[in-house]
Amino acid sequence: MSADRLTLLGVRAIGHHGVFEHERAEGQEFVIDVDVETDFKTAIASDDVEDTLHYGILAERIVAAVERDPVDLIETLAERIAALVLEFPTASEVKVCVHKPNAPITVPFQDVSVSITRSRT
């Protein structure tokens, strides 16, 4: 197992996820953090972006995953994002945290999030 990691924090996108109709209709911001176990050896040797997990492309794919068809639970959204990260050949494990800072909670709060860890097995 490699000890190399790529961390991408605070990717923001508007999605229409949630169990309430107004969440689906109006949409809201979601903030995504990913921490990916990967292997940089080939990229380091070649110094070529094609040999690494390209964080720009990763960020674009995360936004696309948030913006596409709605789901009820942010847990489901986290699973969707984990699966897309593991599509990158050098990714062996990913921790995904989905924040829903504007969740419909009736008391004052700063943030709500769920985190999952998935591995290529």
C-alpha atoms as a PDB file:
ATOM      1  CA  MET A   1       0.000   0.000   0.000  1.00  0.00           C
ATOM      2  CA  SER A   2       1.179   3.457  -0.833  1.00  0.00           C
ATOM      3  CA  ALA A   3       1.419   6.248   1.688  1.00  0.00           C
ATOM      4  CA  ASP A   4       0.771   8.893  -0.970  1.00  0.00           C
ATOM      5  CA  ARG A   5      -2.356  11.020  -0.534  1.00  0.00           C
ATOM      6  CA  LEU A   6      -4.249  13.600  -2.535  1.00  0.00           C
ATOM      7  CA  THR A   7      -6.542  15.839  -0.495  1.00  0.00           C
ATOM      8  CA  LEU A   8      -9.107  18.118  -2.087  1.00  0.00           C
ATOM      9  CA  LEU A   9     -11.110  20.251   0.333  1.00  0.00           C
ATOM     10  CA  GLY A  10     -14.134  22.493  -0.040  1.00  0.00           C
ATOM     11  CA  VAL A  11     -15.364  21.614  -3.533  1.00  0.00           C
ATOM     12  CA  ARG A  12     -18.651  23.511  -3.823  1.00  0.00           C
ATOM     13  CA  ALA A  13     -21.609  22.660  -6.029  1.00  0.00           C
ATOM     14  CA  ILE A  14     -25.341  23.227  -6.106  1.00  0.00           C
ATOM     15  CA  GLY A  15     -27.439  20.075  -5.893  1.00  0.00           C
ATOM     16  CA  HIS A  16     -31.106  19.253  -5.498  1.00  0.00           C
ATOM     17  CA  HIS A  17     -30.690  16.516  -2.893  1.00  0.00           C
ATOM     18  CA  GLY A  18     -32.840  15.977   0.162  1.00  0.00           C
ATOM     19  CA  VAL A  19     -36.042  14.443   1.398  1.00  0.00           C
ATOM     20  CA  PHE A  20     -38.087  17.650   1.319  1.00  0.00           C
ATOM     21  CA  GLU A  21     -39.744  18.958  -1.816  1.00  0.00           C
ATOM     22  CA  HIS A  22     -38.329  22.471  -1.355  1.00  0.00           C
ATOM     23  CA  GLU A  23     -34.776  21.037  -1.284  1.00  0.00           C
ATOM     24  CA  ARG A  24     -35.411  19.321  -4.599  1.00  0.00           C
ATOM     25  CA  ALA A  25     -37.050  22.388  -6.165  1.00  0.00           C
ATOM     26  CA  GLU A  26     -34.723  25.136  -4.929  1.00  0.00           C
ATOM     27  CA  GLY A  27     -31.439  23.297  -4.583  1.00  0.00           C
ATOM     28  CA  GLN A  28     -28.685  24.205  -2.160  1.00  0.00           C
ATOM     29  CA  GLU A  29     -24.937  24.236  -1.774  1.00  0.00           C
ATOM     30  CA  PHE A  30     -23.033  21.099  -0.903  1.00  0.00           C
ATOM     31  CA  VAL A  31     -19.366  21.116   0.066  1.00  0.00           C
ATOM     32  CA  ILE A  32     -17.237  18.055  -0.626  1.00  0.00           C
ATOM     33  CA  ASP A  33     -13.900  16.979   0.837  1.00  0.00           C
ATOM     34  CA  VAL A  34     -11.989  13.974  -0.476  1.00  0.00           C
ATOM     35  CA  ASP A  35      -8.830  12.359   0.803  1.00  0.00           C
ATOM     36  CA  VAL A  36      -7.467   9.799  -1.642  1.00  0.00           C
ATOM     37  CA  GLU A  37      -4.828   7.170  -1.065  1.00  0.00           C
ATOM     38  CA  THR A  38      -2.951   6.905  -4.317  1.00  0.00           C
ATOM     39  CA  ASP A  39       0.469   6.169  -5.733  1.00  0.00           C
ATOM     40  CA  PHE A  40       2.577   9.007  -7.100  1.00  0.00           C
ATOM     41  CA  LYS A  41       5.643   6.904  -8.025  1.00  0.00           C
ATOM     42  CA  THR A  42       4.962   6.805 -11.772  1.00  0.00           C
ATOM     43  CA  ALA A  43       4.020  10.493 -11.891  1.00  0.00           C
ATOM     44  CA  ILE A  44       7.118  11.473  -9.939  1.00  0.00           C
ATOM     45  CA  ALA A  45       9.346   9.462 -12.271  1.00  0.00           C
ATOM     46  CA  SER A  46       7.776  10.869 -15.436  1.00  0.00           C
ATOM     47  CA  ASP A  47       6.869  14.362 -14.157  1.00  0.00           C
ATOM     48  CA  ASP A  48       3.790  14.028 -16.393  1.00  0.00           C
ATOM     49  CA  VAL A  49       0.294  15.037 -15.282  1.00  0.00           C
ATOM     50  CA  GLU A  50      -1.129  12.134 -17.285  1.00  0.00           C
ATOM     51  CA  ASP A  51       0.489   9.736 -14.791  1.00  0.00           C
ATOM     52  CA  THR A  52      -1.131  11.173 -11.678  1.00  0.00           C
ATOM     53  CA  LEU A  53      -4.595  11.578 -10.243  1.00  0.00           C
ATOM     54  CA  HIS A  54      -5.382  14.954 -11.832  1.00  0.00           C
ATOM     55  CA  TYR A  55      -7.037  17.029  -9.107  1.00  0.00           C
ATOM     56  CA  GLY A  56      -8.574  19.456 -11.601  1.00  0.00           C
ATOM     57  CA  ILE A  57     -10.388  16.672 -13.416  1.00  0.00           C
ATOM     58  CA  LEU A  58     -11.325  15.106 -10.076  1.00  0.00           C
ATOM     59  CA  ALA A  59     -12.887  18.375  -8.898  1.00  0.00           C
ATOM     60  CA  GLU A  60     -14.900  18.715 -12.117  1.00  0.00           C
ATOM     61  CA  ARG A  61     -16.206  15.145 -11.779  1.00  0.00           C
ATOM     62  CA  ILE A  62     -17.207  15.748  -8.170  1.00  0.00           C
ATOM     63  CA  VAL A  63     -19.186  18.852  -9.165  1.00  0.00           C
ATOM     64  CA  ALA A  64     -20.874  16.900 -11.969  1.00  0.00           C
ATOM     65  CA  ALA A  65     -21.815  14.143  -9.488  1.00  0.00           C
ATOM     66  CA  VAL A  66     -23.405  16.672  -7.130  1.00  0.00           C
ATOM     67  CA  GLU A  67     -25.245  18.468  -9.935  1.00  0.00           C
ATOM     68  CA  ARG A  68     -26.769  15.361 -11.546  1.00  0.00           C
ATOM     69  CA  ASP A  69     -29.919  13.467 -10.579  1.00  0.00           C
ATOM     70  CA  PRO A  70     -31.100  14.068  -7.017  1.00  0.00           C
ATOM     71  CA  VAL A  71     -30.949  11.585  -4.163  1.00  0.00           C
ATOM     72  CA  ASP A  72     -32.666  11.740  -0.798  1.00  0.00           C
ATOM     73  CA  LEU A  73     -29.645  11.193   1.427  1.00  0.00           C
ATOM     74  CA  ILE A  74     -26.218  12.811   1.555  1.00  0.00           C
ATOM     75  CA  GLU A  75     -24.982   9.334   2.465  1.00  0.00           C
ATOM     76  CA  THR A  76     -26.026   8.204  -1.019  1.00  0.00           C
ATOM     77  CA  LEU A  77     -24.291  11.219  -2.548  1.00  0.00           C
ATOM     78  CA  ALA A  78     -21.107  10.363  -0.633  1.00  0.00           C
ATOM     79  CA  GLU A  79     -21.218   6.816  -2.019  1.00  0.00           C
ATOM     80  CA  ARG A  80     -21.648   8.175  -5.567  1.00  0.00           C
ATOM     81  CA  ILE A  81     -18.594  10.396  -5.134  1.00  0.00           C
ATOM     82  CA  ALA A  82     -16.492   7.600  -3.610  1.00  0.00           C
ATOM     83  CA  ALA A  83     -17.283   5.358  -6.580  1.00  0.00           C
ATOM     84  CA  LEU A  84     -16.215   7.997  -9.088  1.00  0.00           C
ATOM     85  CA  VAL A  85     -12.931   8.614  -7.254  1.00  0.00           C
ATOM     86  CA  LEU A  86     -12.138   4.900  -7.321  1.00  0.00           C
ATOM     87  CA  GLU A  87     -12.565   4.946 -11.105  1.00  0.00           C
ATOM     88  CA  PHE A  88      -9.169   6.679 -11.253  1.00  0.00           C
ATOM     89  CA  PRO A  89      -6.631   3.862 -11.771  1.00  0.00           C
ATOM     90  CA  THR A  90      -4.161   5.106  -9.146  1.00  0.00           C
ATOM     91  CA  ALA A  91      -6.779   5.611  -6.397  1.00  0.00           C
ATOM     92  CA  SER A  92      -6.822   2.729  -3.927  1.00  0.00           C
ATOM     93  CA  GLU A  93      -8.870   4.227  -1.087  1.00  0.00           C
ATOM     94  CA  VAL A  94     -10.950   7.360  -0.580  1.00  0.00           C
ATOM     95  CA  LYS A  95     -12.521   9.145   2.342  1.00  0.00           C
ATOM     96  CA  VAL A  96     -15.421  11.367   1.257  1.00  0.00           C
ATOM     97  CA  CYS A  97     -17.048  13.973   3.460  1.00  0.00           C
ATOM     98  CA  VAL A  98     -20.249  15.630   2.218  1.00  0.00           C
ATOM     99  CA  HIS A  99     -21.218  18.817   4.027  1.00  0.00           C
ATOM    100  CA  LYS A 100     -24.743  20.210   3.863  1.00  0.00           C
ATOM    101  CA  PRO A 101     -24.323  23.624   5.532  1.00  0.00           C
ATOM    102  CA  ASN A 102     -27.870  24.764   4.773  1.00  0.00           C
ATOM    103  CA  ALA A 103     -29.658  21.600   5.862  1.00  0.00           C
ATOM    104  CA  PRO A 104     -33.249  22.102   7.024  1.00  0.00           C
ATOM    105  CA  ILE A 105     -32.511  21.833  10.743  1.00  0.00           C
ATOM    106  CA  THR A 106     -34.737  23.766  13.165  1.00  0.00           C
ATOM    107  CA  VAL A 107     -31.991  24.778  15.620  1.00  0.00           C
ATOM    108  CA  PRO A 108     -28.883  26.932  15.063  1.00  0.00           C
ATOM    109  CA  PHE A 109     -25.965  24.905  13.693  1.00  0.00           C
ATOM    110  CA  GLN A 110     -22.752  25.478  11.774  1.00  0.00           C
ATOM    111  CA  ASP A 111     -22.598  22.423   9.531  1.00  0.00           C
ATOM    112  CA  VAL A 112     -23.787  18.877   9.108  1.00  0.00           C
ATOM    113  CA  SER A 113     -21.783  16.275   7.243  1.00  0.00           C
ATOM    114  CA  VAL A 114     -21.386  12.572   6.628  1.00  0.00           C
ATOM    115  CA  SER A 115     -18.133  10.767   5.929  1.00  0.00           C
ATOM    116  CA  ILE A 116     -17.475   7.397   4.340  1.00  0.00           C
ATOM    117  CA  THR A 117     -14.332   5.478   3.471  1.00  0.00           C
ATOM    118  CA  ARG A 118     -14.223   3.106   0.527  1.00  0.00           C
ATOM    119  CA  SER A 119     -11.409   0.968  -0.887  1.00  0.00           C
ATOM    120  CA  ARG A 120     -10.740  -0.756  -4.157  1.00  0.00           C
ATOM    121  CA  THR A 121     -11.057  -4.437  -3.312  1.00  0.00           C
END
